[in-house]
Amino acid sequence: MSQAVFSWTWLALFVAISVVRKIHERRAGKRSSLKGTPIAEGALMALWGLAAGILPLVYLFTSWLDFADLPFEMPPALGFLGVGLFLIAIWLLHRSHDDLGKTWSPSVEPEAGERLVTDGVYRRIRHPMYAAHVWWGVAQALLLPNLLAGPLALVLMFVLIAMRVPREERALLETFGDDYRGYMEQTGRILPKLG
């Protein structure tokens, strides 16, 4: 199977995950604001958007990024693995949005009166949306054999998680106290807790 098939499959999956996100952003309504986000974090989110969407599209539709192509052909098995991981990312992003419902917001701080969501995919993972973005990044690296269009989004997502998740967890501890502390003991941050 040619690499081009996997690259164009990435495009179809990218459209699918973008639609899932847009549907849930619309359901959240006025809550889709990044107000209060530190400048460095906002800049990193913008860079991630560039690496996760714009650079792959430039890679697919132009030759501008050819200089960053991998010097070898990716085995088809990695392409199939990439498709599977992207499908998992789409499902996990949808599930985590759906489980949060109207309480989802791109800002870190919970609003007054919100309940702590610990069911659905949140039963095992505290931050399944970030997990979905990690799987998306891994999939993209396997589907697009270009250093800028492929793995860069994954690298930036790890940096964003390292920057944003501790701040988010502090806000959740302040809001939910011992309930959130107990929840942290039972769940994994990005992957399910073993044991």
N, C-alpha and C. Protein backbone atom coordinates (compact mmCIF):
# COMPACT_ATOMS: atom_id res chain seq x y z
N MET A 1 0.85 -1.18 0.00
CA MET A 1 0.00 0.00 0.00
C MET A 1 0.89 1.24 0.00
N SER A 2 0.55 2.22 -0.80
CA SER A 2 1.42 3.39 -0.93
C SER A 2 1.23 4.35 0.24
N GLN A 3 2.28 5.10 0.52
CA GLN A 3 2.25 6.08 1.61
C GLN A 3 1.18 7.14 1.35
N ALA A 4 0.93 7.46 0.09
CA ALA A 4 -0.06 8.49 -0.26
C ALA A 4 -1.45 8.12 0.28
N VAL A 5 -1.78 6.84 0.27
CA VAL A 5 -3.09 6.41 0.78
C VAL A 5 -3.22 6.76 2.25
N PHE A 6 -2.16 6.52 3.03
CA PHE A 6 -2.21 6.83 4.46
C PHE A 6 -2.24 8.34 4.69
N SER A 7 -1.53 9.09 3.86
CA SER A 7 -1.54 10.55 4.00
C SER A 7 -2.93 11.10 3.74
N TRP A 8 -3.60 10.61 2.71
CA TRP A 8 -4.95 11.09 2.41
C TRP A 8 -5.97 10.57 3.42
N THR A 9 -5.69 9.39 3.99
CA THR A 9 -6.54 8.89 5.07
C THR A 9 -6.44 9.82 6.27
N TRP A 10 -5.22 10.34 6.54
CA TRP A 10 -5.06 11.32 7.62
C TRP A 10 -6.03 12.48 7.39
N LEU A 11 -6.15 12.97 6.16
CA LEU A 11 -7.02 14.10 5.87
C LEU A 11 -8.47 13.79 6.25
N ALA A 12 -8.95 12.61 5.87
CA ALA A 12 -10.33 12.23 6.20
C ALA A 12 -10.53 12.17 7.71
N LEU A 13 -9.56 11.60 8.42
CA LEU A 13 -9.67 11.49 9.87
C LEU A 13 -9.54 12.86 10.55
N PHE A 14 -8.71 13.73 9.99
CA PHE A 14 -8.58 15.09 10.51
C PHE A 14 -9.91 15.84 10.37
N VAL A 15 -10.57 15.69 9.24
CA VAL A 15 -11.89 16.32 9.06
C VAL A 15 -12.87 15.76 10.10
N ALA A 16 -12.83 14.45 10.31
CA ALA A 16 -13.75 13.83 11.27
C ALA A 16 -13.52 14.36 12.68
N ILE A 17 -12.28 14.43 13.13
CA ILE A 17 -12.02 14.89 14.50
C ILE A 17 -12.32 16.38 14.64
N SER A 18 -12.12 17.13 13.56
CA SER A 18 -12.45 18.56 13.59
C SER A 18 -13.96 18.77 13.71
N VAL A 19 -14.74 17.94 13.02
CA VAL A 19 -16.20 18.02 13.11
C VAL A 19 -16.67 17.66 14.52
N VAL A 20 -16.09 16.60 15.09
CA VAL A 20 -16.46 16.21 16.46
C VAL A 20 -16.21 17.37 17.41
N ARG A 21 -15.03 18.00 17.30
CA ARG A 21 -14.71 19.11 18.20
C ARG A 21 -15.66 20.29 18.00
N LYS A 22 -15.95 20.61 16.74
CA LYS A 22 -16.82 21.76 16.45
C LYS A 22 -18.23 21.52 16.99
N ILE A 23 -18.74 20.32 16.86
CA ILE A 23 -20.08 20.00 17.38
C ILE A 23 -20.12 20.24 18.88
N HIS A 24 -19.10 19.78 19.59
CA HIS A 24 -19.09 19.93 21.05
C HIS A 24 -18.82 21.37 21.47
N GLU A 25 -18.03 22.10 20.70
CA GLU A 25 -17.84 23.53 21.00
C GLU A 25 -19.16 24.28 20.87
N ARG A 26 -19.94 23.95 19.85
CA ARG A 26 -21.25 24.60 19.68
C ARG A 26 -22.18 24.28 20.84
N ARG A 27 -22.16 23.02 21.29
CA ARG A 27 -23.01 22.64 22.42
C ARG A 27 -22.62 23.38 23.69
N ALA A 28 -21.32 23.66 23.83
CA ALA A 28 -20.86 24.37 25.03
C ALA A 28 -21.25 25.84 25.00
N GLY A 29 -21.54 26.36 23.81
CA GLY A 29 -21.99 27.74 23.68
C GLY A 29 -20.98 28.75 24.15
N LYS A 30 -21.40 29.65 25.01
CA LYS A 30 -20.56 30.78 25.44
C LYS A 30 -19.32 30.35 26.21
N ARG A 31 -19.24 29.10 26.64
CA ARG A 31 -18.12 28.64 27.46
C ARG A 31 -16.85 28.39 26.65
N SER A 32 -16.87 28.57 25.36
CA SER A 32 -15.70 28.22 24.56
C SER A 32 -14.69 29.37 24.48
N SER A 33 -14.40 29.98 25.60
CA SER A 33 -13.45 31.10 25.67
C SER A 33 -12.16 30.65 26.35
N LEU A 34 -11.05 31.21 25.90
CA LEU A 34 -9.76 30.92 26.53
C LEU A 34 -9.33 32.06 27.45
N LYS A 35 -10.30 32.85 27.90
CA LYS A 35 -10.01 33.97 28.79
C LYS A 35 -9.24 33.49 30.02
N GLY A 36 -8.21 34.22 30.38
CA GLY A 36 -7.42 33.87 31.54
C GLY A 36 -6.27 32.92 31.24
N THR A 37 -6.12 32.49 29.99
CA THR A 37 -5.03 31.60 29.62
C THR A 37 -3.72 32.39 29.56
N PRO A 38 -2.66 31.92 30.24
CA PRO A 38 -1.38 32.62 30.16
C PRO A 38 -0.90 32.74 28.71
N ILE A 39 -0.18 33.82 28.41
CA ILE A 39 0.26 34.09 27.04
C ILE A 39 1.10 32.94 26.48
N ALA A 40 2.03 32.42 27.26
CA ALA A 40 2.89 31.33 26.77
C ALA A 40 2.06 30.09 26.42
N GLU A 41 1.08 29.81 27.26
CA GLU A 41 0.21 28.66 27.02
C GLU A 41 -0.64 28.87 25.77
N GLY A 42 -1.18 30.07 25.61
CA GLY A 42 -1.97 30.39 24.42
C GLY A 42 -1.13 30.31 23.16
N ALA A 43 0.11 30.79 23.23
CA ALA A 43 1.01 30.71 22.08
C ALA A 43 1.32 29.26 21.73
N LEU A 44 1.52 28.43 22.76
CA LEU A 44 1.79 27.01 22.53
C LEU A 44 0.58 26.32 21.92
N MET A 45 -0.62 26.69 22.37
CA MET A 45 -1.83 26.11 21.78
C MET A 45 -1.94 26.49 20.30
N ALA A 46 -1.59 27.73 19.98
CA ALA A 46 -1.61 28.17 18.58
C ALA A 46 -0.58 27.40 17.75
N LEU A 47 0.61 27.19 18.31
CA LEU A 47 1.63 26.41 17.60
C LEU A 47 1.17 24.98 17.39
N TRP A 48 0.51 24.43 18.42
CA TRP A 48 0.00 23.07 18.27
C TRP A 48 -1.05 23.02 17.13
N GLY A 49 -1.93 24.02 17.07
CA GLY A 49 -2.92 24.07 15.99
C GLY A 49 -2.24 24.13 14.62
N LEU A 50 -1.17 24.87 14.54
CA LEU A 50 -0.39 24.95 13.30
C LEU A 50 0.18 23.57 12.95
N ALA A 51 0.78 22.90 13.95
CA ALA A 51 1.41 21.60 13.71
C ALA A 51 0.41 20.47 13.48
N ALA A 52 -0.76 20.57 14.12
CA ALA A 52 -1.74 19.49 14.01
C ALA A 52 -2.64 19.62 12.79
N GLY A 53 -2.76 20.83 12.24
CA GLY A 53 -3.68 21.01 11.12
C GLY A 53 -3.08 21.70 9.92
N ILE A 54 -2.48 22.86 10.11
CA ILE A 54 -2.00 23.66 8.98
C ILE A 54 -0.80 23.01 8.28
N LEU A 55 0.22 22.62 9.06
CA LEU A 55 1.40 22.01 8.43
C LEU A 55 1.08 20.72 7.67
N PRO A 56 0.24 19.83 8.23
CA PRO A 56 -0.13 18.65 7.44
C PRO A 56 -0.86 19.00 6.13
N LEU A 57 -1.70 20.02 6.18
CA LEU A 57 -2.38 20.42 4.94
C LEU A 57 -1.39 21.00 3.94
N VAL A 58 -0.43 21.78 4.40
CA VAL A 58 0.63 22.29 3.52
C VAL A 58 1.42 21.11 2.94
N TYR A 59 1.71 20.13 3.77
CA TYR A 59 2.43 18.93 3.33
C TYR A 59 1.65 18.19 2.23
N LEU A 60 0.35 18.05 2.42
CA LEU A 60 -0.46 17.30 1.45
C LEU A 60 -0.65 18.04 0.13
N PHE A 61 -0.79 19.36 0.18
CA PHE A 61 -1.18 20.10 -1.01
C PHE A 61 -0.08 20.91 -1.68
N THR A 62 1.12 20.91 -1.09
CA THR A 62 2.23 21.64 -1.72
C THR A 62 3.51 20.80 -1.58
N SER A 63 4.59 21.29 -2.14
CA SER A 63 5.89 20.64 -1.96
C SER A 63 6.79 21.44 -1.02
N TRP A 64 6.22 22.41 -0.33
CA TRP A 64 7.00 23.32 0.51
C TRP A 64 7.72 22.62 1.66
N LEU A 65 7.17 21.52 2.15
CA LEU A 65 7.78 20.83 3.29
C LEU A 65 8.57 19.59 2.89
N ASP A 66 8.81 19.41 1.59
CA ASP A 66 9.55 18.23 1.13
C ASP A 66 10.92 18.09 1.78
N PHE A 67 11.55 19.20 2.14
CA PHE A 67 12.87 19.16 2.77
C PHE A 67 12.86 18.41 4.10
N ALA A 68 11.68 18.27 4.72
CA ALA A 68 11.57 17.61 6.03
C ALA A 68 11.03 16.18 5.92
N ASP A 69 10.91 15.67 4.68
CA ASP A 69 10.43 14.29 4.49
C ASP A 69 11.40 13.30 5.13
N LEU A 70 10.86 12.21 5.67
CA LEU A 70 11.71 11.15 6.21
C LEU A 70 12.46 10.50 5.04
N PRO A 71 13.70 10.08 5.27
CA PRO A 71 14.50 9.52 4.17
C PRO A 71 14.20 8.04 3.88
N PHE A 72 13.14 7.50 4.45
CA PHE A 72 12.81 6.10 4.24
C PHE A 72 11.30 5.94 4.11
N GLU A 73 10.88 4.83 3.56
CA GLU A 73 9.45 4.51 3.40
C GLU A 73 8.94 3.90 4.71
N MET A 74 7.80 4.39 5.18
CA MET A 74 7.20 3.84 6.40
C MET A 74 6.56 2.49 6.06
N PRO A 75 6.75 1.48 6.91
CA PRO A 75 6.09 0.19 6.67
C PRO A 75 4.57 0.34 6.73
N PRO A 76 3.83 -0.34 5.85
CA PRO A 76 2.36 -0.23 5.86
C PRO A 76 1.73 -0.56 7.22
N ALA A 77 2.35 -1.47 7.98
CA ALA A 77 1.79 -1.82 9.30
C ALA A 77 1.70 -0.59 10.19
N LEU A 78 2.69 0.31 10.09
CA LEU A 78 2.65 1.54 10.90
C LEU A 78 1.52 2.46 10.44
N GLY A 79 1.25 2.47 9.15
CA GLY A 79 0.13 3.26 8.64
C GLY A 79 -1.21 2.74 9.17
N PHE A 80 -1.36 1.42 9.15
CA PHE A 80 -2.60 0.83 9.68
C PHE A 80 -2.73 1.11 11.18
N LEU A 81 -1.61 1.02 11.91
CA LEU A 81 -1.63 1.35 13.33
C LEU A 81 -2.02 2.81 13.52
N GLY A 82 -1.50 3.70 12.68
CA GLY A 82 -1.85 5.11 12.75
C GLY A 82 -3.34 5.34 12.54
N VAL A 83 -3.93 4.64 11.58
CA VAL A 83 -5.38 4.76 11.34
C VAL A 83 -6.15 4.32 12.58
N GLY A 84 -5.76 3.18 13.14
CA GLY A 84 -6.44 2.68 14.35
C GLY A 84 -6.34 3.65 15.52
N LEU A 85 -5.15 4.21 15.72
CA LEU A 85 -4.96 5.15 16.83
C LEU A 85 -5.74 6.44 16.60
N PHE A 86 -5.83 6.88 15.35
CA PHE A 86 -6.60 8.09 15.07
C PHE A 86 -8.09 7.84 15.34
N LEU A 87 -8.58 6.66 14.98
CA LEU A 87 -9.98 6.32 15.27
C LEU A 87 -10.23 6.30 16.78
N ILE A 88 -9.27 5.77 17.55
CA ILE A 88 -9.38 5.79 19.01
C ILE A 88 -9.41 7.24 19.51
N ALA A 89 -8.56 8.09 18.94
CA ALA A 89 -8.52 9.50 19.34
C ALA A 89 -9.86 10.18 19.08
N ILE A 90 -10.45 9.92 17.93
CA ILE A 90 -11.75 10.51 17.60
C ILE A 90 -12.81 10.04 18.60
N TRP A 91 -12.84 8.75 18.86
CA TRP A 91 -13.82 8.21 19.79
C TRP A 91 -13.62 8.79 21.19
N LEU A 92 -12.36 8.85 21.65
CA LEU A 92 -12.07 9.33 22.99
C LEU A 92 -12.39 10.82 23.13
N LEU A 93 -12.10 11.59 22.10
CA LEU A 93 -12.44 13.02 22.14
C LEU A 93 -13.95 13.21 22.23
N HIS A 94 -14.68 12.45 21.40
CA HIS A 94 -16.15 12.54 21.44
C HIS A 94 -16.68 12.11 22.81
N ARG A 95 -16.21 10.96 23.30
CA ARG A 95 -16.70 10.43 24.58
C ARG A 95 -16.44 11.40 25.72
N SER A 96 -15.22 11.96 25.75
CA SER A 96 -14.88 12.84 26.87
C SER A 96 -15.71 14.12 26.82
N HIS A 97 -15.94 14.66 25.62
CA HIS A 97 -16.82 15.82 25.50
C HIS A 97 -18.24 15.46 25.93
N ASP A 98 -18.70 14.32 25.46
CA ASP A 98 -20.06 13.90 25.75
C ASP A 98 -20.26 13.66 27.25
N ASP A 99 -19.26 13.04 27.89
CA ASP A 99 -19.36 12.78 29.33
C ASP A 99 -19.36 14.08 30.14
N LEU A 100 -18.63 15.09 29.67
CA LEU A 100 -18.62 16.38 30.36
C LEU A 100 -19.89 17.18 30.09
N GLY A 101 -20.45 17.02 28.89
CA GLY A 101 -21.65 17.77 28.54
C GLY A 101 -21.40 19.26 28.55
N LYS A 102 -22.29 20.01 29.16
CA LYS A 102 -22.19 21.48 29.17
C LYS A 102 -21.09 22.00 30.09
N THR A 103 -20.49 21.13 30.91
CA THR A 103 -19.43 21.61 31.80
C THR A 103 -18.10 21.76 31.09
N TRP A 104 -17.99 21.31 29.83
CA TRP A 104 -16.72 21.45 29.12
C TRP A 104 -16.42 22.92 28.83
N SER A 105 -15.16 23.25 28.97
CA SER A 105 -14.69 24.58 28.63
C SER A 105 -13.21 24.49 28.27
N PRO A 106 -12.75 25.28 27.30
CA PRO A 106 -11.31 25.25 27.01
C PRO A 106 -10.48 25.97 28.07
N SER A 107 -11.13 26.69 28.98
CA SER A 107 -10.36 27.33 30.05
C SER A 107 -10.11 26.31 31.15
N VAL A 108 -9.13 26.58 31.97
CA VAL A 108 -8.71 25.64 33.00
C VAL A 108 -9.61 25.66 34.23
N GLU A 109 -10.05 26.83 34.63
CA GLU A 109 -10.79 26.97 35.88
C GLU A 109 -12.25 26.53 35.73
N PRO A 110 -12.70 25.64 36.64
CA PRO A 110 -14.12 25.27 36.62
C PRO A 110 -14.98 26.44 37.09
N GLU A 111 -16.21 26.48 36.60
CA GLU A 111 -17.13 27.53 37.02
C GLU A 111 -17.84 27.13 38.30
N ALA A 112 -18.30 28.12 39.04
CA ALA A 112 -19.02 27.88 40.30
C ALA A 112 -20.23 27.00 40.04
N GLY A 113 -20.46 26.06 40.93
CA GLY A 113 -21.63 25.21 40.84
C GLY A 113 -21.46 23.98 39.96
N GLU A 114 -20.30 23.82 39.33
CA GLU A 114 -20.09 22.64 38.50
C GLU A 114 -19.86 21.42 39.38
N ARG A 115 -20.24 20.26 38.84
CA ARG A 115 -19.99 19.02 39.57
C ARG A 115 -18.72 18.38 39.03
N LEU A 116 -18.08 17.58 39.84
CA LEU A 116 -16.90 16.84 39.43
C LEU A 116 -17.34 15.63 38.63
N VAL A 117 -16.92 15.55 37.38
CA VAL A 117 -17.31 14.44 36.51
C VAL A 117 -16.31 13.30 36.71
N THR A 118 -16.81 12.15 37.15
CA THR A 118 -15.95 10.99 37.40
C THR A 118 -16.52 9.72 36.77
N ASP A 119 -17.47 9.88 35.85
CA ASP A 119 -18.06 8.71 35.22
C ASP A 119 -17.69 8.69 33.74
N GLY A 120 -18.15 7.66 33.03
CA GLY A 120 -17.78 7.50 31.62
C GLY A 120 -16.28 7.28 31.49
N VAL A 121 -15.66 7.91 30.52
CA VAL A 121 -14.22 7.74 30.34
C VAL A 121 -13.43 8.38 31.47
N TYR A 122 -14.07 9.29 32.23
CA TYR A 122 -13.41 9.93 33.37
C TYR A 122 -13.28 8.98 34.56
N ARG A 123 -13.89 7.83 34.48
CA ARG A 123 -13.79 6.86 35.57
C ARG A 123 -12.36 6.34 35.71
N ARG A 124 -11.63 6.29 34.58
CA ARG A 124 -10.27 5.74 34.60
C ARG A 124 -9.17 6.76 34.31
N ILE A 125 -9.52 7.83 33.58
CA ILE A 125 -8.54 8.83 33.16
C ILE A 125 -9.05 10.21 33.55
N ARG A 126 -8.19 11.00 34.22
CA ARG A 126 -8.61 12.34 34.63
C ARG A 126 -8.66 13.32 33.47
N HIS A 127 -7.82 13.10 32.46
CA HIS A 127 -7.73 14.05 31.35
C HIS A 127 -7.82 13.32 30.00
N PRO A 128 -8.98 12.72 29.71
CA PRO A 128 -9.09 11.95 28.47
C PRO A 128 -9.00 12.80 27.20
N MET A 129 -9.34 14.09 27.28
CA MET A 129 -9.20 14.93 26.08
C MET A 129 -7.73 15.08 25.70
N TYR A 130 -6.88 15.26 26.71
CA TYR A 130 -5.45 15.32 26.42
C TYR A 130 -4.97 13.98 25.89
N ALA A 131 -5.48 12.89 26.46
CA ALA A 131 -5.12 11.56 25.97
C ALA A 131 -5.51 11.41 24.50
N ALA A 132 -6.69 11.91 24.14
CA ALA A 132 -7.13 11.85 22.74
C ALA A 132 -6.17 12.61 21.84
N HIS A 133 -5.70 13.77 22.31
CA HIS A 133 -4.77 14.56 21.52
C HIS A 133 -3.40 13.88 21.40
N VAL A 134 -3.00 13.14 22.43
CA VAL A 134 -1.75 12.37 22.34
C VAL A 134 -1.89 11.27 21.29
N TRP A 135 -3.02 10.53 21.33
CA TRP A 135 -3.22 9.46 20.33
C TRP A 135 -3.29 10.06 18.93
N TRP A 136 -3.93 11.21 18.80
CA TRP A 136 -3.97 11.92 17.52
C TRP A 136 -2.55 12.22 17.05
N GLY A 137 -1.72 12.73 17.95
CA GLY A 137 -0.34 13.05 17.59
C GLY A 137 0.47 11.84 17.19
N VAL A 138 0.31 10.74 17.92
CA VAL A 138 1.02 9.50 17.56
C VAL A 138 0.56 9.03 16.18
N ALA A 139 -0.76 9.06 15.96
CA ALA A 139 -1.31 8.64 14.68
C ALA A 139 -0.78 9.51 13.54
N GLN A 140 -0.75 10.80 13.76
CA GLN A 140 -0.28 11.72 12.73
C GLN A 140 1.19 11.43 12.38
N ALA A 141 1.99 11.14 13.40
CA ALA A 141 3.40 10.81 13.16
C ALA A 141 3.55 9.53 12.34
N LEU A 142 2.60 8.60 12.52
CA LEU A 142 2.66 7.34 11.77
C LEU A 142 2.09 7.46 10.35
N LEU A 143 1.21 8.42 10.15
CA LEU A 143 0.54 8.57 8.85
C LEU A 143 1.24 9.55 7.92
N LEU A 144 1.96 10.51 8.46
CA LEU A 144 2.59 11.55 7.63
C LEU A 144 4.11 11.49 7.81
N PRO A 145 4.84 10.96 6.84
CA PRO A 145 6.30 10.77 6.97
C PRO A 145 7.09 12.05 6.72
N ASN A 146 6.83 13.05 7.54
CA ASN A 146 7.47 14.35 7.40
C ASN A 146 7.70 14.89 8.80
N LEU A 147 8.90 15.35 9.12
CA LEU A 147 9.23 15.76 10.48
C LEU A 147 8.38 16.93 10.97
N LEU A 148 7.96 17.82 10.09
CA LEU A 148 7.14 18.96 10.49
C LEU A 148 5.66 18.63 10.48
N ALA A 149 5.20 17.92 9.48
CA ALA A 149 3.77 17.59 9.38
C ALA A 149 3.39 16.39 10.24
N GLY A 150 4.36 15.55 10.58
CA GLY A 150 4.07 14.34 11.34
C GLY A 150 4.21 14.50 12.84
N PRO A 151 5.41 14.26 13.40
CA PRO A 151 5.56 14.20 14.86
C PRO A 151 5.60 15.53 15.61
N LEU A 152 5.71 16.64 14.93
CA LEU A 152 5.81 17.93 15.63
C LEU A 152 4.58 18.19 16.52
N ALA A 153 3.40 17.84 16.05
CA ALA A 153 2.19 18.06 16.86
C ALA A 153 2.24 17.26 18.16
N LEU A 154 2.77 16.06 18.10
CA LEU A 154 2.88 15.22 19.30
C LEU A 154 3.85 15.84 20.30
N VAL A 155 4.98 16.31 19.83
CA VAL A 155 5.97 16.95 20.71
C VAL A 155 5.35 18.17 21.39
N LEU A 156 4.67 19.00 20.61
CA LEU A 156 4.06 20.20 21.17
C LEU A 156 2.94 19.85 22.16
N MET A 157 2.20 18.77 21.90
CA MET A 157 1.14 18.36 22.83
C MET A 157 1.73 17.94 24.16
N PHE A 158 2.86 17.22 24.15
CA PHE A 158 3.50 16.84 25.41
C PHE A 158 3.93 18.07 26.21
N VAL A 159 4.47 19.07 25.52
CA VAL A 159 4.87 20.31 26.19
C VAL A 159 3.63 21.02 26.75
N LEU A 160 2.57 21.07 25.98
CA LEU A 160 1.33 21.72 26.42
C LEU A 160 0.74 21.00 27.64
N ILE A 161 0.75 19.67 27.61
CA ILE A 161 0.25 18.90 28.75
C ILE A 161 1.09 19.19 30.00
N ALA A 162 2.41 19.22 29.84
CA ALA A 162 3.29 19.49 30.98
C ALA A 162 3.04 20.89 31.55
N MET A 163 2.64 21.83 30.71
CA MET A 163 2.40 23.19 31.15
C MET A 163 0.98 23.37 31.72
N ARG A 164 0.01 22.77 31.08
CA ARG A 164 -1.39 23.07 31.38
C ARG A 164 -2.02 22.18 32.45
N VAL A 165 -1.70 20.89 32.43
CA VAL A 165 -2.37 19.95 33.33
C VAL A 165 -2.09 20.25 34.80
N PRO A 166 -0.86 20.55 35.22
CA PRO A 166 -0.66 20.88 36.64
C PRO A 166 -1.50 22.10 37.07
N ARG A 167 -1.59 23.10 36.22
CA ARG A 167 -2.41 24.28 36.54
C ARG A 167 -3.89 23.90 36.64
N GLU A 168 -4.33 23.04 35.72
CA GLU A 168 -5.72 22.58 35.74
C GLU A 168 -6.01 21.78 37.00
N GLU A 169 -5.08 20.91 37.38
CA GLU A 169 -5.31 20.08 38.56
C GLU A 169 -5.30 20.92 39.84
N ARG A 170 -4.46 21.96 39.90
CA ARG A 170 -4.50 22.86 41.07
C ARG A 170 -5.87 23.53 41.18
N ALA A 171 -6.41 23.98 40.04
CA ALA A 171 -7.73 24.62 40.04
C ALA A 171 -8.81 23.64 40.48
N LEU A 172 -8.72 22.41 40.04
CA LEU A 172 -9.71 21.40 40.42
C LEU A 172 -9.59 21.04 41.90
N LEU A 173 -8.36 20.98 42.42
CA LEU A 173 -8.17 20.74 43.85
C LEU A 173 -8.75 21.88 44.69
N GLU A 174 -8.56 23.11 44.22
CA GLU A 174 -9.11 24.26 44.94
C GLU A 174 -10.64 24.22 44.94
N THR A 175 -11.22 23.78 43.84
CA THR A 175 -12.68 23.77 43.71
C THR A 175 -13.31 22.57 44.43
N PHE A 176 -12.72 21.38 44.23
CA PHE A 176 -13.37 20.15 44.71
C PHE A 176 -12.67 19.51 45.92
N GLY A 177 -11.51 20.02 46.31
CA GLY A 177 -10.83 19.58 47.52
C GLY A 177 -10.59 18.08 47.61
N ASP A 178 -11.03 17.49 48.74
CA ASP A 178 -10.77 16.08 49.00
C ASP A 178 -11.43 15.16 47.98
N ASP A 179 -12.56 15.57 47.42
CA ASP A 179 -13.19 14.75 46.38
C ASP A 179 -12.25 14.58 45.20
N TYR A 180 -11.60 15.67 44.81
CA TYR A 180 -10.67 15.57 43.67
C TYR A 180 -9.40 14.83 44.08
N ARG A 181 -8.95 15.03 45.31
CA ARG A 181 -7.76 14.32 45.80
C ARG A 181 -8.00 12.81 45.76
N GLY A 182 -9.16 12.36 46.21
CA GLY A 182 -9.50 10.94 46.16
C GLY A 182 -9.61 10.44 44.73
N TYR A 183 -10.17 11.26 43.87
CA TYR A 183 -10.30 10.92 42.45
C TYR A 183 -8.92 10.75 41.81
N MET A 184 -7.97 11.62 42.19
CA MET A 184 -6.61 11.52 41.67
C MET A 184 -5.96 10.20 42.06
N GLU A 185 -6.25 9.72 43.25
CA GLU A 185 -5.66 8.47 43.72
C GLU A 185 -6.19 7.26 42.95
N GLN A 186 -7.39 7.37 42.42
CA GLN A 186 -8.03 6.24 41.74
C GLN A 186 -7.80 6.22 40.23
N THR A 187 -7.31 7.31 39.65
CA THR A 187 -7.24 7.43 38.20
C THR A 187 -5.84 7.81 37.74
N GLY A 188 -5.59 7.55 36.46
CA GLY A 188 -4.35 8.00 35.84
C GLY A 188 -4.58 9.36 35.21
N ARG A 189 -3.50 10.08 35.05
CA ARG A 189 -3.61 11.45 34.50
C ARG A 189 -3.99 11.41 33.03
N ILE A 190 -3.22 10.72 32.20
CA ILE A 190 -3.44 10.65 30.77
C ILE A 190 -3.74 9.22 30.32
N LEU A 191 -3.18 8.26 31.00
CA LEU A 191 -3.44 6.85 30.73
C LEU A 191 -4.13 6.24 31.95
N PRO A 192 -4.92 5.17 31.77
CA PRO A 192 -5.56 4.56 32.93
C PRO A 192 -4.52 4.10 33.94
N LYS A 193 -4.84 4.23 35.22
CA LYS A 193 -3.93 3.82 36.29
C LYS A 193 -3.87 2.30 36.35
N LEU A 194 -2.68 1.77 36.43
CA LEU A 194 -2.52 0.32 36.55
C LEU A 194 -2.52 -0.07 38.02
N GLY A 195 -3.23 -1.15 38.31
CA GLY A 195 -3.22 -1.68 39.67
C GLY A 195 -4.17 -1.10 40.62
